[in-house]
Amino acid sequence: MSKDDNIISLIDDNGKEQKFEVMATFDIEEDEYAVLFPLTKEESEDGAYILRIEYDENGDFVLVNIEDEEELENAVSVYEAIVDEML
């Protein structure tokens, strides 16, 4: 797998395309999550994004913002634990 296989494009709220590298995916119970890092310098200053992975009626994955603060905090904690284990 090449690095380009981990690059995805998302459209922001303003209709502007942004490119991200998928750095990791992980599961918490029944839910799947993806950790994305922006490839543009302006966006990269914001750090990583963690989004929930869901699937549409065709079985294609869809990345969804995590609205629930507790769910987001849990996802961040799990990702940080994964990173700590790798170091």
PDB file of N, CA and C in Angstrom:
ATOM      1  N   MET A   1       0.850  -1.186   0.000  1.00  0.00           N
ATOM      2  CA  MET A   1       0.000   0.000   0.000  1.00  0.00           C
ATOM      3  C   MET A   1       0.887   1.238   0.000  1.00  0.00           C
ATOM      4  N   SER A   2       0.628   2.138  -0.908  1.00  0.00           N
ATOM      5  CA  SER A   2       1.403   3.372  -0.972  1.00  0.00           C
ATOM      6  C   SER A   2       0.762   4.434  -0.083  1.00  0.00           C
ATOM      7  N   LYS A   3       1.521   5.463   0.181  1.00  0.00           N
ATOM      8  CA  LYS A   3       1.005   6.561   0.997  1.00  0.00           C
ATOM      9  C   LYS A   3      -0.237   7.181   0.352  1.00  0.00           C
ATOM     10  N   ASP A   4      -0.277   7.231  -0.985  1.00  0.00           N
ATOM     11  CA  ASP A   4      -1.420   7.816  -1.678  1.00  0.00           C
ATOM     12  C   ASP A   4      -2.707   7.045  -1.413  1.00  0.00           C
ATOM     13  N   ASP A   5      -2.604   5.772  -1.059  1.00  0.00           N
ATOM     14  CA  ASP A   5      -3.797   4.985  -0.738  1.00  0.00           C
ATOM     15  C   ASP A   5      -4.487   5.513   0.522  1.00  0.00           C
ATOM     16  N   ASN A   6      -3.757   6.257   1.333  1.00  0.00           N
ATOM     17  CA  ASN A   6      -4.299   6.792   2.578  1.00  0.00           C
ATOM     18  C   ASN A   6      -4.759   8.233   2.453  1.00  0.00           C
ATOM     19  N   ILE A   7      -4.777   8.785   1.250  1.00  0.00           N
ATOM     20  CA  ILE A   7      -5.177  10.173   1.033  1.00  0.00           C
ATOM     21  C   ILE A   7      -6.640  10.199   0.577  1.00  0.00           C
ATOM     22  N   ILE A   8      -7.438  11.014   1.268  1.00  0.00           N
ATOM     23  CA  ILE A   8      -8.837  11.177   0.884  1.00  0.00           C
ATOM     24  C   ILE A   8      -9.138  12.668   0.758  1.00  0.00           C
ATOM     25  N   SER A   9     -10.165  12.976   0.000  1.00  0.00           N
ATOM     26  CA  SER A   9     -10.628  14.357  -0.148  1.00  0.00           C
ATOM     27  C   SER A   9     -11.995  14.479   0.488  1.00  0.00           C
ATOM     28  N   LEU A  10     -12.186  15.532   1.249  1.00  0.00           N
ATOM     29  CA  LEU A  10     -13.476  15.835   1.867  1.00  0.00           C
ATOM     30  C   LEU A  10     -13.870  17.248   1.482  1.00  0.00           C
ATOM     31  N   ILE A  11     -15.154  17.496   1.421  1.00  0.00           N
ATOM     32  CA  ILE A  11     -15.671  18.827   1.125  1.00  0.00           C
ATOM     33  C   ILE A  11     -16.103  19.470   2.438  1.00  0.00           C
ATOM     34  N   ASP A  12     -15.582  20.671   2.721  1.00  0.00           N
ATOM     35  CA  ASP A  12     -15.947  21.344   3.969  1.00  0.00           C
ATOM     36  C   ASP A  12     -17.295  22.047   3.835  1.00  0.00           C
ATOM     37  N   ASP A  13     -17.721  22.703   4.900  1.00  0.00           N
ATOM     38  CA  ASP A  13     -19.018  23.375   4.927  1.00  0.00           C
ATOM     39  C   ASP A  13     -19.137  24.488   3.890  1.00  0.00           C
ATOM     40  N   ASN A  14     -17.991  25.006   3.440  1.00  0.00           N
ATOM     41  CA  ASN A  14     -17.987  26.080   2.447  1.00  0.00           C
ATOM     42  C   ASN A  14     -17.868  25.547   1.019  1.00  0.00           C
ATOM     43  N   GLY A  15     -17.899  24.222   0.847  1.00  0.00           N
ATOM     44  CA  GLY A  15     -17.803  23.618  -0.462  1.00  0.00           C
ATOM     45  C   GLY A  15     -16.381  23.502  -0.981  1.00  0.00           C
ATOM     46  N   LYS A  16     -15.404  23.767  -0.120  1.00  0.00           N
ATOM     47  CA  LYS A  16     -13.998  23.709  -0.514  1.00  0.00           C
ATOM     48  C   LYS A  16     -13.455  22.300  -0.255  1.00  0.00           C
ATOM     49  N   GLU A  17     -12.744  21.759  -1.243  1.00  0.00           N
ATOM     50  CA  GLU A  17     -12.159  20.429  -1.106  1.00  0.00           C
ATOM     51  C   GLU A  17     -10.901  20.501  -0.246  1.00  0.00           C
ATOM     52  N   GLN A  18     -10.786  19.578   0.691  1.00  0.00           N
ATOM     53  CA  GLN A  18      -9.608  19.476   1.554  1.00  0.00           C
ATOM     54  C   GLN A  18      -9.070  18.056   1.454  1.00  0.00           C
ATOM     55  N   LYS A  19      -7.758  17.908   1.389  1.00  0.00           N
ATOM     56  CA  LYS A  19      -7.140  16.585   1.353  1.00  0.00           C
ATOM     57  C   LYS A  19      -6.620  16.232   2.740  1.00  0.00           C
ATOM     58  N   PHE A  20      -6.821  14.956   3.106  1.00  0.00           N
ATOM     59  CA  PHE A  20      -6.408  14.454   4.401  1.00  0.00           C
ATOM     60  C   PHE A  20      -5.692  13.129   4.232  1.00  0.00           C
ATOM     61  N   GLU A  21      -4.769  12.854   5.149  1.00  0.00           N
ATOM     62  CA  GLU A  21      -4.169  11.534   5.219  1.00  0.00           C
ATOM     63  C   GLU A  21      -4.826  10.775   6.360  1.00  0.00           C
ATOM     64  N   VAL A  22      -5.278   9.565   6.062  1.00  0.00           N
ATOM     65  CA  VAL A  22      -5.851   8.704   7.096  1.00  0.00           C
ATOM     66  C   VAL A  22      -4.671   8.073   7.826  1.00  0.00           C
ATOM     67  N   MET A  23      -4.457   8.518   9.068  1.00  0.00           N
ATOM     68  CA  MET A  23      -3.311   8.043   9.845  1.00  0.00           C
ATOM     69  C   MET A  23      -3.607   6.747  10.591  1.00  0.00           C
ATOM     70  N   ALA A  24      -4.868   6.554  10.958  1.00  0.00           N
ATOM     71  CA  ALA A  24      -5.217   5.357  11.722  1.00  0.00           C
ATOM     72  C   ALA A  24      -6.722   5.153  11.686  1.00  0.00           C
ATOM     73  N   THR A  25      -7.118   3.918  11.865  1.00  0.00           N
ATOM     74  CA  THR A  25      -8.517   3.590  12.121  1.00  0.00           C
ATOM     75  C   THR A  25      -8.524   2.659  13.320  1.00  0.00           C
ATOM     76  N   PHE A  26      -9.598   2.729  14.100  1.00  0.00           N
ATOM     77  CA  PHE A  26      -9.704   1.874  15.281  1.00  0.00           C
ATOM     78  C   PHE A  26     -11.165   1.710  15.643  1.00  0.00           C
ATOM     79  N   ASP A  27     -11.435   0.673  16.427  1.00  0.00           N
ATOM     80  CA  ASP A  27     -12.792   0.364  16.873  1.00  0.00           C
ATOM     81  C   ASP A  27     -12.927   0.622  18.362  1.00  0.00           C
ATOM     82  N   ILE A  28     -14.109   1.074  18.742  1.00  0.00           N
ATOM     83  CA  ILE A  28     -14.514   1.138  20.143  1.00  0.00           C
ATOM     84  C   ILE A  28     -15.878   0.475  20.195  1.00  0.00           C
ATOM     85  N   GLU A  29     -15.910  -0.690  20.794  1.00  0.00           N
ATOM     86  CA  GLU A  29     -17.126  -1.490  20.840  1.00  0.00           C
ATOM     87  C   GLU A  29     -17.664  -1.675  19.422  1.00  0.00           C
ATOM     88  N   GLU A  30     -18.863  -1.198  19.128  1.00  0.00           N
ATOM     89  CA  GLU A  30     -19.492  -1.401  17.818  1.00  0.00           C
ATOM     90  C   GLU A  30     -19.128  -0.324  16.794  1.00  0.00           C
ATOM     91  N   ASP A  31     -18.487   0.760  17.228  1.00  0.00           N
ATOM     92  CA  ASP A  31     -18.211   1.891  16.350  1.00  0.00           C
ATOM     93  C   ASP A  31     -16.787   1.860  15.816  1.00  0.00           C
ATOM     94  N   GLU A  32     -16.609   2.387  14.590  1.00  0.00           N
ATOM     95  CA  GLU A  32     -15.300   2.522  13.966  1.00  0.00           C
ATOM     96  C   GLU A  32     -14.978   4.010  13.842  1.00  0.00           C
ATOM     97  N   TYR A  33     -13.702   4.325  13.965  1.00  0.00           N
ATOM     98  CA  TYR A  33     -13.257   5.713  13.889  1.00  0.00           C
ATOM     99  C   TYR A  33     -12.042   5.826  12.980  1.00  0.00           C
ATOM    100  N   ALA A  34     -11.863   7.011  12.390  1.00  0.00           N
ATOM    101  CA  ALA A  34     -10.697   7.307  11.557  1.00  0.00           C
ATOM    102  C   ALA A  34     -10.029   8.566  12.088  1.00  0.00           C
ATOM    103  N   VAL A  35      -8.706   8.556  12.077  1.00  0.00           N
ATOM    104  CA  VAL A  35      -7.921   9.724  12.473  1.00  0.00           C
ATOM    105  C   VAL A  35      -7.337  10.324  11.202  1.00  0.00           C
ATOM    106  N   LEU A  36      -7.673  11.572  10.947  1.00  0.00           N
ATOM    107  CA  LEU A  36      -7.253  12.253   9.725  1.00  0.00           C
ATOM    108  C   LEU A  36      -6.356  13.437  10.043  1.00  0.00           C
ATOM    109  N   PHE A  37      -5.293  13.600   9.244  1.00  0.00           N
ATOM    110  CA  PHE A  37      -4.430  14.771   9.339  1.00  0.00           C
ATOM    111  C   PHE A  37      -4.531  15.542   8.034  1.00  0.00           C
ATOM    112  N   PRO A  38      -4.819  16.836   8.098  1.00  0.00           N
ATOM    113  CA  PRO A  38      -4.907  17.651   6.877  1.00  0.00           C
ATOM    114  C   PRO A  38      -3.550  17.744   6.191  1.00  0.00           C
ATOM    115  N   LEU A  39      -3.570  17.785   4.878  1.00  0.00           N
ATOM    116  CA  LEU A  39      -2.331  17.902   4.119  1.00  0.00           C
ATOM    117  C   LEU A  39      -1.960  19.344   3.819  1.00  0.00           C
ATOM    118  N   THR A  40      -2.919  20.268   3.943  1.00  0.00           N
ATOM    119  CA  THR A  40      -2.606  21.677   3.683  1.00  0.00           C
ATOM    120  C   THR A  40      -2.038  22.312   4.938  1.00  0.00           C
ATOM    121  N   LYS A  41      -1.084  23.206   4.739  1.00  0.00           N
ATOM    122  CA  LYS A  41      -0.405  23.827   5.875  1.00  0.00           C
ATOM    123  C   LYS A  41      -1.372  24.594   6.778  1.00  0.00           C
ATOM    124  N   GLU A  42      -2.308  25.331   6.167  1.00  0.00           N
ATOM    125  CA  GLU A  42      -3.242  26.133   6.975  1.00  0.00           C
ATOM    126  C   GLU A  42      -4.078  25.231   7.895  1.00  0.00           C
ATOM    127  N   GLU A  43      -4.556  24.139   7.319  1.00  0.00           N
ATOM    128  CA  GLU A  43      -5.415  23.225   8.071  1.00  0.00           C
ATOM    129  C   GLU A  43      -4.617  22.388   9.063  1.00  0.00           C
ATOM    130  N   SER A  44      -3.360  22.080   8.766  1.00  0.00           N
ATOM    131  CA  SER A  44      -2.581  21.194   9.620  1.00  0.00           C
ATOM    132  C   SER A  44      -2.313  21.804  10.989  1.00  0.00           C
ATOM    133  N   GLU A  45      -2.409  23.132  11.086  1.00  0.00           N
ATOM    134  CA  GLU A  45      -2.211  23.781  12.376  1.00  0.00           C
ATOM    135  C   GLU A  45      -3.321  23.426  13.358  1.00  0.00           C
ATOM    136  N   ASP A  46      -4.472  22.973  12.848  1.00  0.00           N
ATOM    137  CA  ASP A  46      -5.577  22.573  13.711  1.00  0.00           C
ATOM    138  C   ASP A  46      -5.365  21.195  14.314  1.00  0.00           C
ATOM    139  N   GLY A  47      -4.392  20.435  13.825  1.00  0.00           N
ATOM    140  CA  GLY A  47      -4.119  19.099  14.340  1.00  0.00           C
ATOM    141  C   GLY A  47      -4.975  18.053  13.668  1.00  0.00           C
ATOM    142  N   ALA A  48      -5.118  16.930  14.341  1.00  0.00           N
ATOM    143  CA  ALA A  48      -5.835  15.779  13.783  1.00  0.00           C
ATOM    144  C   ALA A  48      -7.335  15.919  13.992  1.00  0.00           C
ATOM    145  N   TYR A  49      -8.063  15.204  13.148  1.00  0.00           N
ATOM    146  CA  TYR A  49      -9.515  15.102  13.267  1.00  0.00           C
ATOM    147  C   TYR A  49      -9.855  13.633  13.492  1.00  0.00           C
ATOM    148  N   ILE A  50     -10.772  13.380  14.396  1.00  0.00           N
ATOM    149  CA  ILE A  50     -11.282  12.027  14.594  1.00  0.00           C
ATOM    150  C   ILE A  50     -12.743  12.031  14.170  1.00  0.00           C
ATOM    151  N   LEU A  51     -13.071  11.162  13.221  1.00  0.00           N
ATOM    152  CA  LEU A  51     -14.430  11.066  12.699  1.00  0.00           C
ATOM    153  C   LEU A  51     -14.923   9.631  12.838  1.00  0.00           C
ATOM    154  N   ARG A  52     -16.221   9.480  13.027  1.00  0.00           N
ATOM    155  CA  ARG A  52     -16.820   8.143  13.097  1.00  0.00           C
ATOM    156  C   ARG A  52     -17.049   7.641  11.685  1.00  0.00           C
ATOM    157  N   ILE A  53     -16.784   6.352  11.467  1.00  0.00           N
ATOM    158  CA  ILE A  53     -17.013   5.717  10.180  1.00  0.00           C
ATOM    159  C   ILE A  53     -18.377   5.044  10.226  1.00  0.00           C
ATOM    160  N   GLU A  54     -19.224   5.408   9.289  1.00  0.00           N
ATOM    161  CA  GLU A  54     -20.529   4.762   9.139  1.00  0.00           C
ATOM    162  C   GLU A  54     -20.621   4.268   7.703  1.00  0.00           C
ATOM    163  N   TYR A  55     -21.622   3.461   7.417  1.00  0.00           N
ATOM    164  CA  TYR A  55     -21.783   2.909   6.079  1.00  0.00           C
ATOM    165  C   TYR A  55     -23.166   3.259   5.540  1.00  0.00           C
ATOM    166  N   ASP A  56     -23.208   3.640   4.257  1.00  0.00           N
ATOM    167  CA  ASP A  56     -24.484   3.979   3.637  1.00  0.00           C
ATOM    168  C   ASP A  56     -25.176   2.712   3.131  1.00  0.00           C
ATOM    169  N   GLU A  57     -26.312   2.887   2.485  1.00  0.00           N
ATOM    170  CA  GLU A  57     -27.115   1.755   2.013  1.00  0.00           C
ATOM    171  C   GLU A  57     -26.397   0.911   0.965  1.00  0.00           C
ATOM    172  N   ASN A  58     -25.356   1.470   0.321  1.00  0.00           N
ATOM    173  CA  ASN A  58     -24.578   0.734  -0.681  1.00  0.00           C
ATOM    174  C   ASN A  58     -23.357   0.043  -0.072  1.00  0.00           C
ATOM    175  N   GLY A  59     -23.168   0.229   1.231  1.00  0.00           N
ATOM    176  CA  GLY A  59     -22.011  -0.363   1.889  1.00  0.00           C
ATOM    177  C   GLY A  59     -20.758   0.477   1.790  1.00  0.00           C
ATOM    178  N   ASP A  60     -20.884   1.691   1.230  1.00  0.00           N
ATOM    179  CA  ASP A  60     -19.745   2.601   1.144  1.00  0.00           C
ATOM    180  C   ASP A  60     -19.575   3.329   2.468  1.00  0.00           C
ATOM    181  N   PHE A  61     -18.305   3.547   2.855  1.00  0.00           N
ATOM    182  CA  PHE A  61     -18.101   4.233   4.135  1.00  0.00           C
ATOM    183  C   PHE A  61     -18.337   5.730   3.997  1.00  0.00           C
ATOM    184  N   VAL A  62     -18.827   6.305   5.092  1.00  0.00           N
ATOM    185  CA  VAL A  62     -19.098   7.734   5.199  1.00  0.00           C
ATOM    186  C   VAL A  62     -18.462   8.199   6.505  1.00  0.00           C
ATOM    187  N   LEU A  63     -17.732   9.309   6.459  1.00  0.00           N
ATOM    188  CA  LEU A  63     -17.131   9.864   7.670  1.00  0.00           C
ATOM    189  C   LEU A  63     -18.079  10.898   8.259  1.00  0.00           C
ATOM    190  N   VAL A  64     -18.329  10.769   9.564  1.00  0.00           N
ATOM    191  CA  VAL A  64     -19.323  11.592  10.234  1.00  0.00           C
ATOM    192  C   VAL A  64     -18.671  12.320  11.409  1.00  0.00           C
ATOM    193  N   ASN A  65     -18.964  13.615  11.541  1.00  0.00           N
ATOM    194  CA  ASN A  65     -18.502  14.361  12.712  1.00  0.00           C
ATOM    195  C   ASN A  65     -19.087  13.745  13.973  1.00  0.00           C
ATOM    196  N   ILE A  66     -18.298  13.758  15.036  1.00  0.00           N
ATOM    197  CA  ILE A  66     -18.765  13.253  16.327  1.00  0.00           C
ATOM    198  C   ILE A  66     -19.358  14.430  17.082  1.00  0.00           C
ATOM    199  N   GLU A  67     -20.671  14.423  17.245  1.00  0.00           N
ATOM    200  CA  GLU A  67     -21.370  15.528  17.898  1.00  0.00           C
ATOM    201  C   GLU A  67     -21.378  15.390  19.422  1.00  0.00           C
ATOM    202  N   ASP A  68     -21.390  14.146  19.901  1.00  0.00           N
ATOM    203  CA  ASP A  68     -21.466  13.891  21.335  1.00  0.00           C
ATOM    204  C   ASP A  68     -20.084  14.081  21.971  1.00  0.00           C
ATOM    205  N   GLU A  69     -19.981  15.012  22.920  1.00  0.00           N
ATOM    206  CA  GLU A  69     -18.695  15.346  23.523  1.00  0.00           C
ATOM    207  C   GLU A  69     -18.077  14.163  24.264  1.00  0.00           C
ATOM    208  N   GLU A  70     -18.909  13.381  24.939  1.00  0.00           N
ATOM    209  CA  GLU A  70     -18.406  12.213  25.669  1.00  0.00           C
ATOM    210  C   GLU A  70     -17.841  11.168  24.697  1.00  0.00           C
ATOM    211  N   GLU A  71     -18.534  10.953  23.583  1.00  0.00           N
ATOM    212  CA  GLU A  71     -18.042  10.009  22.577  1.00  0.00           C
ATOM    213  C   GLU A  71     -16.712  10.492  22.008  1.00  0.00           C
ATOM    214  N   LEU A  72     -16.603  11.785  21.726  1.00  0.00           N
ATOM    215  CA  LEU A  72     -15.363  12.341  21.192  1.00  0.00           C
ATOM    216  C   LEU A  72     -14.221  12.191  22.193  1.00  0.00           C
ATOM    217  N   GLU A  73     -14.475  12.519  23.452  1.00  0.00           N
ATOM    218  CA  GLU A  73     -13.441  12.380  24.483  1.00  0.00           C
ATOM    219  C   GLU A  73     -12.981  10.935  24.602  1.00  0.00           C
ATOM    220  N   ASN A  74     -13.906   9.998  24.513  1.00  0.00           N
ATOM    221  CA  ASN A  74     -13.567   8.584  24.583  1.00  0.00           C
ATOM    222  C   ASN A  74     -12.703   8.185  23.384  1.00  0.00           C
ATOM    223  N   ALA A  75     -13.070   8.636  22.195  1.00  0.00           N
ATOM    224  CA  ALA A  75     -12.304   8.321  20.992  1.00  0.00           C
ATOM    225  C   ALA A  75     -10.895   8.902  21.072  1.00  0.00           C
ATOM    226  N   VAL A  76     -10.771  10.126  21.558  1.00  0.00           N
ATOM    227  CA  VAL A  76      -9.455  10.753  21.707  1.00  0.00           C
ATOM    228  C   VAL A  76      -8.610   9.957  22.702  1.00  0.00           C
ATOM    229  N   SER A  77      -9.199   9.555  23.816  1.00  0.00           N
ATOM    230  CA  SER A  77      -8.471   8.783  24.831  1.00  0.00           C
ATOM    231  C   SER A  77      -7.972   7.459  24.284  1.00  0.00           C
ATOM    232  N   VAL A  78      -8.828   6.766  23.535  1.00  0.00           N
ATOM    233  CA  VAL A  78      -8.423   5.484  22.946  1.00  0.00           C
ATOM    234  C   VAL A  78      -7.297   5.700  21.941  1.00  0.00           C
ATOM    235  N   TYR A  79      -7.417   6.716  21.088  1.00  0.00           N
ATOM    236  CA  TYR A  79      -6.368   6.987  20.106  1.00  0.00           C
ATOM    237  C   TYR A  79      -5.053   7.338  20.805  1.00  0.00           C
ATOM    238  N   GLU A  80      -5.099   8.157  21.837  1.00  0.00           N
ATOM    239  CA  GLU A  80      -3.886   8.508  22.569  1.00  0.00           C
ATOM    240  C   GLU A  80      -3.238   7.276  23.199  1.00  0.00           C
ATOM    241  N   ALA A  81      -4.051   6.345  23.706  1.00  0.00           N
ATOM    242  CA  ALA A  81      -3.535   5.112  24.272  1.00  0.00           C
ATOM    243  C   ALA A  81      -2.846   4.262  23.195  1.00  0.00           C
ATOM    244  N   ILE A  82      -3.440   4.231  21.992  1.00  0.00           N
ATOM    245  CA  ILE A  82      -2.839   3.488  20.881  1.00  0.00           C
ATOM    246  C   ILE A  82      -1.485   4.087  20.522  1.00  0.00           C
ATOM    247  N   VAL A  83      -1.420   5.413  20.442  1.00  0.00           N
ATOM    248  CA  VAL A  83      -0.165   6.093  20.106  1.00  0.00           C
ATOM    249  C   VAL A  83       0.876   5.829  21.183  1.00  0.00           C
ATOM    250  N   ASP A  84       0.481   5.891  22.453  1.00  0.00           N
ATOM    251  CA  ASP A  84       1.422   5.635  23.557  1.00  0.00           C
ATOM    252  C   ASP A  84       1.995   4.224  23.485  1.00  0.00           C
ATOM    253  N   GLU A  85       1.167   3.246  23.103  1.00  0.00           N
ATOM    254  CA  GLU A  85       1.651   1.874  22.989  1.00  0.00           C
ATOM    255  C   GLU A  85       2.659   1.728  21.859  1.00  0.00           C
ATOM    256  N   MET A  86       2.502   2.530  20.831  1.00  0.00           N
ATOM    257  CA  MET A  86       3.413   2.451  19.682  1.00  0.00           C
ATOM    258  C   MET A  86       4.762   3.085  19.962  1.00  0.00           C
ATOM    259  N   LEU A  87       4.841   3.971  20.931  1.00  0.00           N
ATOM    260  CA  LEU A  87       6.095   4.682  21.230  1.00  0.00           C
ATOM    261  C   LEU A  87       6.996   3.912  22.143  1.00  0.00           C
TER     262      LEU A  87
END
